[in-house]
PDB file of N, CA and C in Angstrom:
ATOM      1  N   MET A   1     -13.152  -0.453 -10.172  1.00  0.00           N
ATOM      2  CA  MET A   1     -12.562   0.807  -9.354  1.00  0.00           C
ATOM      3  C   MET A   1     -11.854   1.853 -10.108  1.00  0.00           C
ATOM      4  N   SER A   2     -12.091   3.387 -10.086  1.00  0.00           N
ATOM      5  CA  SER A   2     -11.586   4.274 -11.042  1.00  0.00           C
ATOM      6  C   SER A   2     -10.486   5.034 -10.386  1.00  0.00           C
ATOM      7  N   ASN A   3      -9.704   5.368 -10.996  1.00  0.00           N
ATOM      8  CA  ASN A   3      -8.733   6.193 -10.587  1.00  0.00           C
ATOM      9  C   ASN A   3      -8.955   7.303  -9.657  1.00  0.00           C
ATOM     10  N   ALA A   4     -10.467   7.891 -10.071  1.00  0.00           N
ATOM     11  CA  ALA A   4     -10.579   8.961  -9.162  1.00  0.00           C
ATOM     12  C   ALA A   4     -11.086   8.553  -7.772  1.00  0.00           C
ATOM     13  N   GLU A   5     -11.659   7.038  -7.612  1.00  0.00           N
ATOM     14  CA  GLU A   5     -11.463   6.540  -6.220  1.00  0.00           C
ATOM     15  C   GLU A   5     -10.409   6.184  -5.481  1.00  0.00           C
ATOM     16  N   PHE A   6      -9.039   6.066  -6.466  1.00  0.00           N
ATOM     17  CA  PHE A   6      -7.951   5.437  -5.605  1.00  0.00           C
ATOM     18  C   PHE A   6      -7.167   6.824  -5.114  1.00  0.00           C
ATOM     19  N   ILE A   7      -7.475   7.820  -6.130  1.00  0.00           N
ATOM     20  CA  ILE A   7      -6.807   9.056  -5.983  1.00  0.00           C
ATOM     21  C   ILE A   7      -7.306   9.937  -4.495  1.00  0.00           C
ATOM     22  N   LYS A   8      -8.970   9.336  -4.216  1.00  0.00           N
ATOM     23  CA  LYS A   8      -9.741   9.664  -3.027  1.00  0.00           C
ATOM     24  C   LYS A   8      -8.751   8.919  -1.897  1.00  0.00           C
ATOM     25  N   ALA A   9      -8.642   7.604  -2.249  1.00  0.00           N
ATOM     26  CA  ALA A   9      -8.340   6.838  -1.111  1.00  0.00           C
ATOM     27  C   ALA A   9      -6.887   7.326  -0.568  1.00  0.00           C
ATOM     28  N   ALA A  10      -6.123   7.455  -1.295  1.00  0.00           N
ATOM     29  CA  ALA A  10      -4.754   8.095  -1.123  1.00  0.00           C
ATOM     30  C   ALA A  10      -4.882   9.040  -0.106  1.00  0.00           C
ATOM     31  N   ALA A  11      -5.673  10.116  -0.514  1.00  0.00           N
ATOM     32  CA  ALA A  11      -5.693  11.493   0.086  1.00  0.00           C
ATOM     33  C   ALA A  11      -6.439  11.295   1.222  1.00  0.00           C
ATOM     34  N   ASP A  12      -7.586  10.293   1.417  1.00  0.00           N
ATOM     35  CA  ASP A  12      -8.442  10.118   2.843  1.00  0.00           C
ATOM     36  C   ASP A  12      -7.511   9.607   3.706  1.00  0.00           C
ATOM     37  N   VAL A  13      -6.539   8.284   3.413  1.00  0.00           N
ATOM     38  CA  VAL A  13      -6.003   8.045   4.517  1.00  0.00           C
ATOM     39  C   VAL A  13      -4.663   9.056   5.361  1.00  0.00           C
ATOM     40  N   LYS A  14      -4.701  10.071   4.859  1.00  0.00           N
ATOM     41  CA  LYS A  14      -3.867  11.028   5.396  1.00  0.00           C
ATOM     42  C   LYS A  14      -4.576  11.780   6.480  1.00  0.00           C
ATOM     43  N   ASN A  15      -5.934  11.779   6.463  1.00  0.00           N
ATOM     44  CA  ASN A  15      -6.716  11.942   7.149  1.00  0.00           C
ATOM     45  C   ASN A  15      -7.527  11.277   8.658  1.00  0.00           C
ATOM     46  N   LEU A  16      -6.735  10.228   8.482  1.00  0.00           N
ATOM     47  CA  LEU A  16      -7.426   8.800   9.578  1.00  0.00           C
ATOM     48  C   LEU A  16      -7.269   9.594  10.822  1.00  0.00           C
ATOM     49  N   LYS A  17      -8.208   9.505  11.636  1.00  0.00           N
ATOM     50  CA  LYS A  17      -7.731  10.037  13.392  1.00  0.00           C
ATOM     51  C   LYS A  17      -7.115   8.936  13.729  1.00  0.00           C
ATOM     52  N   THR A  18      -6.940   7.756  13.811  1.00  0.00           N
ATOM     53  CA  THR A  18      -6.196   6.708  14.341  1.00  0.00           C
ATOM     54  C   THR A  18      -5.125   6.339  13.298  1.00  0.00           C
ATOM     55  N   LYS A  19      -4.021   6.408  13.770  1.00  0.00           N
ATOM     56  CA  LYS A  19      -2.954   5.856  12.746  1.00  0.00           C
ATOM     57  C   LYS A  19      -2.908   4.461  12.734  1.00  0.00           C
ATOM     58  N   PRO A  20      -2.745   3.571  11.236  1.00  0.00           N
ATOM     59  CA  PRO A  20      -2.998   2.546  11.293  1.00  0.00           C
ATOM     60  C   PRO A  20      -1.427   1.637  12.020  1.00  0.00           C
ATOM     61  N   ASN A  21      -1.691   0.736  12.366  1.00  0.00           N
ATOM     62  CA  ASN A  21      -0.601  -0.181  12.757  1.00  0.00           C
ATOM     63  C   ASN A  21       0.404  -0.622  11.887  1.00  0.00           C
ATOM     64  N   ASN A  22       1.608  -1.019  12.123  1.00  0.00           N
ATOM     65  CA  ASN A  22       2.685  -0.951  11.102  1.00  0.00           C
ATOM     66  C   ASN A  22       2.220  -2.081   9.906  1.00  0.00           C
ATOM     67  N   ASP A  23       1.279  -3.130  10.243  1.00  0.00           N
ATOM     68  CA  ASP A  23       1.118  -4.466   9.180  1.00  0.00           C
ATOM     69  C   ASP A  23       0.383  -3.561   8.260  1.00  0.00           C
ATOM     70  N   GLN A  24      -0.742  -2.570   8.507  1.00  0.00           N
ATOM     71  CA  GLN A  24      -1.467  -1.937   7.859  1.00  0.00           C
ATOM     72  C   GLN A  24      -0.768  -1.005   6.910  1.00  0.00           C
ATOM     73  N   LEU A  25       0.166  -0.387   7.658  1.00  0.00           N
ATOM     74  CA  LEU A  25       1.113   0.628   6.729  1.00  0.00           C
ATOM     75  C   LEU A  25       1.912   0.001   5.620  1.00  0.00           C
ATOM     76  N   LEU A  26       2.023  -1.369   5.965  1.00  0.00           N
ATOM     77  CA  LEU A  26       2.933  -1.940   4.977  1.00  0.00           C
ATOM     78  C   LEU A  26       2.112  -2.187   3.909  1.00  0.00           C
ATOM     79  N   SER A  27       0.889  -3.112   4.172  1.00  0.00           N
ATOM     80  CA  SER A  27       0.015  -3.494   3.379  1.00  0.00           C
ATOM     81  C   SER A  27      -0.486  -2.352   2.716  1.00  0.00           C
ATOM     82  N   LEU A  28      -0.542  -0.763   2.865  1.00  0.00           N
ATOM     83  CA  LEU A  28      -1.049   0.363   2.084  1.00  0.00           C
ATOM     84  C   LEU A  28       0.046   0.388   1.433  1.00  0.00           C
ATOM     85  N   TYR A  29       1.561   0.745   1.838  1.00  0.00           N
ATOM     86  CA  TYR A  29       2.572   1.120   0.725  1.00  0.00           C
ATOM     87  C   TYR A  29       2.722  -0.200  -0.226  1.00  0.00           C
ATOM     88  N   ALA A  30       2.664  -1.186  -0.063  1.00  0.00           N
ATOM     89  CA  ALA A  30       2.781  -2.122  -0.888  1.00  0.00           C
ATOM     90  C   ALA A  30       1.805  -1.940  -1.960  1.00  0.00           C
ATOM     91  N   HIS A  31       0.496  -2.135  -1.577  1.00  0.00           N
ATOM     92  CA  HIS A  31      -0.494  -1.796  -2.549  1.00  0.00           C
ATOM     93  C   HIS A  31      -0.436  -0.433  -3.288  1.00  0.00           C
ATOM     94  N   PHE A  32      -0.261   0.595  -2.915  1.00  0.00           N
ATOM     95  CA  PHE A  32       0.340   1.895  -3.620  1.00  0.00           C
ATOM     96  C   PHE A  32       1.079   1.637  -4.594  1.00  0.00           C
ATOM     97  N   LYS A  33       2.328   1.090  -4.123  1.00  0.00           N
ATOM     98  CA  LYS A  33       3.345   1.158  -5.112  1.00  0.00           C
ATOM     99  C   LYS A  33       2.860   0.138  -6.084  1.00  0.00           C
ATOM    100  N   GLN A  34       2.535  -0.977  -5.833  1.00  0.00           N
ATOM    101  CA  GLN A  34       1.764  -1.707  -7.070  1.00  0.00           C
ATOM    102  C   GLN A  34       0.869  -1.315  -8.008  1.00  0.00           C
ATOM    103  N   SER A  35       0.278  -0.351  -7.050  1.00  0.00           N
ATOM    104  CA  SER A  35      -0.598   0.668  -8.371  1.00  0.00           C
ATOM    105  C   SER A  35      -0.017   1.744  -9.142  1.00  0.00           C
ATOM    106  N   ILE A  36       0.907   2.043  -8.504  1.00  0.00           N
ATOM    107  CA  ILE A  36       1.606   3.068  -9.726  1.00  0.00           C
ATOM    108  C   ILE A  36       2.741   2.347 -10.058  1.00  0.00           C
ATOM    109  N   VAL A  37       3.660   1.814  -9.900  1.00  0.00           N
ATOM    110  CA  VAL A  37       4.920   1.295 -10.291  1.00  0.00           C
ATOM    111  C   VAL A  37       4.352   0.086 -11.076  1.00  0.00           C
ATOM    112  N   GLY A  38       3.906  -0.999 -10.377  1.00  0.00           N
ATOM    113  CA  GLY A  38       3.835  -2.178 -10.809  1.00  0.00           C
ATOM    114  C   GLY A  38       4.497  -3.153 -10.100  1.00  0.00           C
ATOM    115  N   ASP A  39       5.192  -4.479 -10.576  1.00  0.00           N
ATOM    116  CA  ASP A  39       6.077  -5.159 -10.035  1.00  0.00           C
ATOM    117  C   ASP A  39       7.364  -4.639  -9.635  1.00  0.00           C
ATOM    118  N   ASN A  40       7.555  -4.966  -8.279  1.00  0.00           N
ATOM    119  CA  ASN A  40       8.637  -4.551  -7.741  1.00  0.00           C
ATOM    120  C   ASN A  40      10.069  -5.129  -8.401  1.00  0.00           C
ATOM    121  N   ASN A  41      10.933  -4.503  -8.933  1.00  0.00           N
ATOM    122  CA  ASN A  41      12.023  -4.791  -9.484  1.00  0.00           C
ATOM    123  C   ASN A  41      13.628  -4.370  -9.183  1.00  0.00           C
ATOM    124  N   THR A  42      13.240  -3.959  -7.896  1.00  0.00           N
ATOM    125  CA  THR A  42      14.470  -3.181  -7.423  1.00  0.00           C
ATOM    126  C   THR A  42      15.202  -4.206  -6.419  1.00  0.00           C
ATOM    127  N   ASP A  43      16.397  -3.960  -6.436  1.00  0.00           N
ATOM    128  CA  ASP A  43      17.206  -4.476  -5.395  1.00  0.00           C
ATOM    129  C   ASP A  43      16.696  -4.374  -3.860  1.00  0.00           C
ATOM    130  N   ARG A  44      16.606  -5.618  -3.101  1.00  0.00           N
ATOM    131  CA  ARG A  44      16.297  -5.379  -1.705  1.00  0.00           C
ATOM    132  C   ARG A  44      17.542  -4.506  -0.905  1.00  0.00           C
ATOM    133  N   PRO A  45      17.136  -3.889  -0.019  1.00  0.00           N
ATOM    134  CA  PRO A  45      17.858  -3.134   0.626  1.00  0.00           C
ATOM    135  C   PRO A  45      19.011  -3.926   1.697  1.00  0.00           C
ATOM    136  N   GLY A  46      19.825  -3.143   2.026  1.00  0.00           N
ATOM    137  CA  GLY A  46      21.049  -3.764   2.692  1.00  0.00           C
ATOM    138  C   GLY A  46      20.131  -4.029   4.366  1.00  0.00           C
ATOM    139  N   MET A  47      21.365  -4.758   4.931  1.00  0.00           N
ATOM    140  CA  MET A  47      20.873  -5.404   6.157  1.00  0.00           C
ATOM    141  C   MET A  47      20.431  -4.601   7.383  1.00  0.00           C
ATOM    142  N   PHE A  48      21.209  -3.263   7.090  1.00  0.00           N
ATOM    143  CA  PHE A  48      21.099  -2.311   8.409  1.00  0.00           C
ATOM    144  C   PHE A  48      19.754  -1.371   8.129  1.00  0.00           C
ATOM    145  N   ASP A  49      19.298  -1.446   6.835  1.00  0.00           N
ATOM    146  CA  ASP A  49      17.573  -0.543   6.512  1.00  0.00           C
ATOM    147  C   ASP A  49      16.525  -1.433   6.554  1.00  0.00           C
ATOM    148  N   LEU A  50      16.112  -1.565   8.467  1.00  0.00           N
ATOM    149  CA  LEU A  50      15.083  -2.467   8.434  1.00  0.00           C
ATOM    150  C   LEU A  50      13.738  -1.975   7.854  1.00  0.00           C
ATOM    151  N   GLN A  51      13.627  -0.653   7.976  1.00  0.00           N
ATOM    152  CA  GLN A  51      12.398  -0.146   7.379  1.00  0.00           C
ATOM    153  C   GLN A  51      12.096  -0.348   6.047  1.00  0.00           C
ATOM    154  N   GLY A  52      13.343  -0.059   5.231  1.00  0.00           N
ATOM    155  CA  GLY A  52      13.471  -0.220   3.802  1.00  0.00           C
ATOM    156  C   GLY A  52      13.207  -1.849   3.447  1.00  0.00           C
ATOM    157  N   LYS A  53      13.806  -2.686   4.373  1.00  0.00           N
ATOM    158  CA  LYS A  53      13.513  -4.049   3.931  1.00  0.00           C
ATOM    159  C   LYS A  53      12.382  -4.590   4.203  1.00  0.00           C
ATOM    160  N   ALA A  54      11.541  -4.186   5.087  1.00  0.00           N
ATOM    161  CA  ALA A  54      10.169  -4.455   5.593  1.00  0.00           C
ATOM    162  C   ALA A  54       9.102  -3.612   4.116  1.00  0.00           C
ATOM    163  N   LYS A  55       9.147  -2.618   4.127  1.00  0.00           N
ATOM    164  CA  LYS A  55       8.827  -2.226   2.622  1.00  0.00           C
ATOM    165  C   LYS A  55       8.819  -2.519   1.289  1.00  0.00           C
ATOM    166  N   TRP A  56      10.122  -3.187   1.315  1.00  0.00           N
ATOM    167  CA  TRP A  56      10.655  -3.915  -0.094  1.00  0.00           C
ATOM    168  C   TRP A  56       9.756  -5.386  -0.117  1.00  0.00           C
ATOM    169  N   ASP A  57       9.827  -5.914   1.122  1.00  0.00           N
ATOM    170  CA  ASP A  57       9.265  -7.564   1.315  1.00  0.00           C
ATOM    171  C   ASP A  57       7.868  -7.200   1.350  1.00  0.00           C
ATOM    172  N   ALA A  58       7.222  -6.453   2.043  1.00  0.00           N
ATOM    173  CA  ALA A  58       5.702  -6.044   1.922  1.00  0.00           C
ATOM    174  C   ALA A  58       5.460  -6.050   0.432  1.00  0.00           C
ATOM    175  N   TRP A  59       6.175  -4.900  -0.263  1.00  0.00           N
ATOM    176  CA  TRP A  59       5.862  -5.055  -1.906  1.00  0.00           C
ATOM    177  C   TRP A  59       6.139  -6.045  -2.687  1.00  0.00           C
ATOM    178  N   ASN A  60       7.262  -6.749  -2.385  1.00  0.00           N
ATOM    179  CA  ASN A  60       7.675  -8.088  -3.244  1.00  0.00           C
ATOM    180  C   ASN A  60       6.605  -8.904  -3.024  1.00  0.00           C
ATOM    181  N   ALA A  61       5.971  -9.268  -1.944  1.00  0.00           N
ATOM    182  CA  ALA A  61       5.103 -10.235  -1.444  1.00  0.00           C
ATOM    183  C   ALA A  61       3.750 -10.040  -2.361  1.00  0.00           C
ATOM    184  N   ILE A  62       3.162  -9.022  -3.332  1.00  0.00           N
ATOM    185  CA  ILE A  62       2.488  -8.920  -4.077  1.00  0.00           C
ATOM    186  C   ILE A  62       2.666  -9.025  -5.201  1.00  0.00           C
ATOM    187  N   LYS A  63       3.755  -9.198  -5.571  1.00  0.00           N
ATOM    188  CA  LYS A  63       4.196  -9.088  -7.527  1.00  0.00           C
ATOM    189  C   LYS A  63       3.464  -9.792  -8.046  1.00  0.00           C
ATOM    190  N   GLY A  64       3.232  -9.442  -9.205  1.00  0.00           N
ATOM    191  CA  GLY A  64       2.258 -10.501  -9.909  1.00  0.00           C
ATOM    192  C   GLY A  64       0.821  -9.760  -9.881  1.00  0.00           C
ATOM    193  N   LEU A  65       0.534  -9.169  -9.201  1.00  0.00           N
ATOM    194  CA  LEU A  65      -1.001  -8.478  -8.928  1.00  0.00           C
ATOM    195  C   LEU A  65      -1.212  -7.213  -9.810  1.00  0.00           C
ATOM    196  N   SER A  66      -2.151  -7.298 -10.535  1.00  0.00           N
ATOM    197  CA  SER A  66      -2.496  -6.429 -11.675  1.00  0.00           C
ATOM    198  C   SER A  66      -2.230  -4.934 -10.915  1.00  0.00           C
ATOM    199  N   LYS A  67      -2.138  -3.987 -11.637  1.00  0.00           N
ATOM    200  CA  LYS A  67      -2.328  -2.590 -11.039  1.00  0.00           C
ATOM    201  C   LYS A  67      -4.013  -2.057 -10.488  1.00  0.00           C
ATOM    202  N   ALA A  68      -5.157  -2.613 -11.416  1.00  0.00           N
ATOM    203  CA  ALA A  68      -6.534  -2.418 -11.016  1.00  0.00           C
ATOM    204  C   ALA A  68      -6.745  -3.302  -9.988  1.00  0.00           C
ATOM    205  N   ASP A  69      -6.321  -4.400  -9.748  1.00  0.00           N
ATOM    206  CA  ASP A  69      -6.586  -4.871  -8.555  1.00  0.00           C
ATOM    207  C   ASP A  69      -5.681  -4.591  -7.271  1.00  0.00           C
ATOM    208  N   ALA A  70      -4.630  -3.863  -7.500  1.00  0.00           N
ATOM    209  CA  ALA A  70      -3.996  -3.338  -6.644  1.00  0.00           C
ATOM    210  C   ALA A  70      -4.647  -2.145  -6.166  1.00  0.00           C
ATOM    211  N   GLN A  71      -5.178  -1.377  -6.602  1.00  0.00           N
ATOM    212  CA  GLN A  71      -6.079  -0.068  -6.467  1.00  0.00           C
ATOM    213  C   GLN A  71      -7.194  -1.052  -5.814  1.00  0.00           C
ATOM    214  N   ALA A  72      -8.132  -1.935  -6.256  1.00  0.00           N
ATOM    215  CA  ALA A  72      -9.252  -1.929  -5.675  1.00  0.00           C
ATOM    216  C   ALA A  72      -8.997  -2.339  -4.004  1.00  0.00           C
ATOM    217  N   LYS A  73      -7.661  -3.173  -3.997  1.00  0.00           N
ATOM    218  CA  LYS A  73      -7.399  -3.409  -2.403  1.00  0.00           C
ATOM    219  C   LYS A  73      -6.784  -2.631  -1.575  1.00  0.00           C
ATOM    220  N   TYR A  74      -6.281  -1.592  -2.421  1.00  0.00           N
ATOM    221  CA  TYR A  74      -5.734  -0.295  -1.621  1.00  0.00           C
ATOM    222  C   TYR A  74      -6.902   0.483  -0.916  1.00  0.00           C
ATOM    223  N   ILE A  75      -8.100   0.723  -2.191  1.00  0.00           N
ATOM    224  CA  ILE A  75      -9.328   1.434  -1.577  1.00  0.00           C
ATOM    225  C   ILE A  75     -10.033   0.600  -0.600  1.00  0.00           C
ATOM    226  N   GLU A  76      -9.952  -0.810  -0.562  1.00  0.00           N
ATOM    227  CA  GLU A  76     -10.670  -1.773   0.611  1.00  0.00           C
ATOM    228  C   GLU A  76      -9.805  -1.467   1.887  1.00  0.00           C
ATOM    229  N   ILE A  77      -8.677  -1.317   1.882  1.00  0.00           N
ATOM    230  CA  ILE A  77      -7.974  -1.326   3.117  1.00  0.00           C
ATOM    231  C   ILE A  77      -8.520   0.222   3.588  1.00  0.00           C
ATOM    232  N   VAL A  78      -8.407   1.243   2.716  1.00  0.00           N
ATOM    233  CA  VAL A  78      -8.748   2.420   3.467  1.00  0.00           C
ATOM    234  C   VAL A  78     -10.211   2.665   3.945  1.00  0.00           C
ATOM    235  N   LYS A  79     -11.263   1.989   3.274  1.00  0.00           N
ATOM    236  CA  LYS A  79     -12.469   2.099   3.482  1.00  0.00           C
ATOM    237  C   LYS A  79     -12.450   1.425   4.847  1.00  0.00           C
ATOM    238  N   GLY A  80     -11.982   0.295   5.093  1.00  0.00           N
ATOM    239  CA  GLY A  80     -11.721  -0.282   6.430  1.00  0.00           C
ATOM    240  C   GLY A  80     -11.192   0.266   7.454  1.00  0.00           C
ATOM    241  N   LEU A  81      -9.815   1.025   7.182  1.00  0.00           N
ATOM    242  CA  LEU A  81      -9.694   1.810   8.217  1.00  0.00           C
ATOM    243  C   LEU A  81     -10.526   3.137   8.668  1.00  0.00           C
ATOM    244  N   GLN A  82     -11.327   3.712   7.521  1.00  0.00           N
ATOM    245  CA  GLN A  82     -12.358   4.464   7.887  1.00  0.00           C
ATOM    246  C   GLN A  82     -12.965   4.154   8.706  1.00  0.00           C
ATOM    247  N   ALA A  83     -13.821   2.682   8.691  1.00  0.00           N
ATOM    248  CA  ALA A  83     -15.022   2.385   9.396  1.00  0.00           C
ATOM    249  C   ALA A  83     -14.600   1.839  10.766  1.00  0.00           C
ATOM    250  N   SER A  84     -13.328   1.982  10.909  1.00  0.00           N
ATOM    251  CA  SER A  84     -12.983   1.676  12.062  1.00  0.00           C
ATOM    252  C   SER A  84     -12.498   3.145  12.988  1.00  0.00           C
ATOM    253  N   ASP A  85     -12.283   3.831  12.351  1.00  0.00           N
ATOM    254  CA  ASP A  85     -11.731   4.722  13.036  1.00  0.00           C
ATOM    255  C   ASP A  85     -12.890   5.996  13.775  1.00  0.00           C
TER     256      ASP A  85
END
């Protein structure tokens, strides 16, 4: 997968007719962050930041995944969402 495909997928996800569900959004977030930043090395948000904790947990769950593999999975998720849109 090329960087151009990843950038296009990141733009395409913003133009979906149907908003992805929360699990899909968390998966997109996690794979995007892993693609750009790499492994999560931040502290887990506090107990009252429910959204922040969910995002942190999703990203932390794919720790160790290479940036290239994370990009490929992100593109795969976006294509699946486009197909069901």
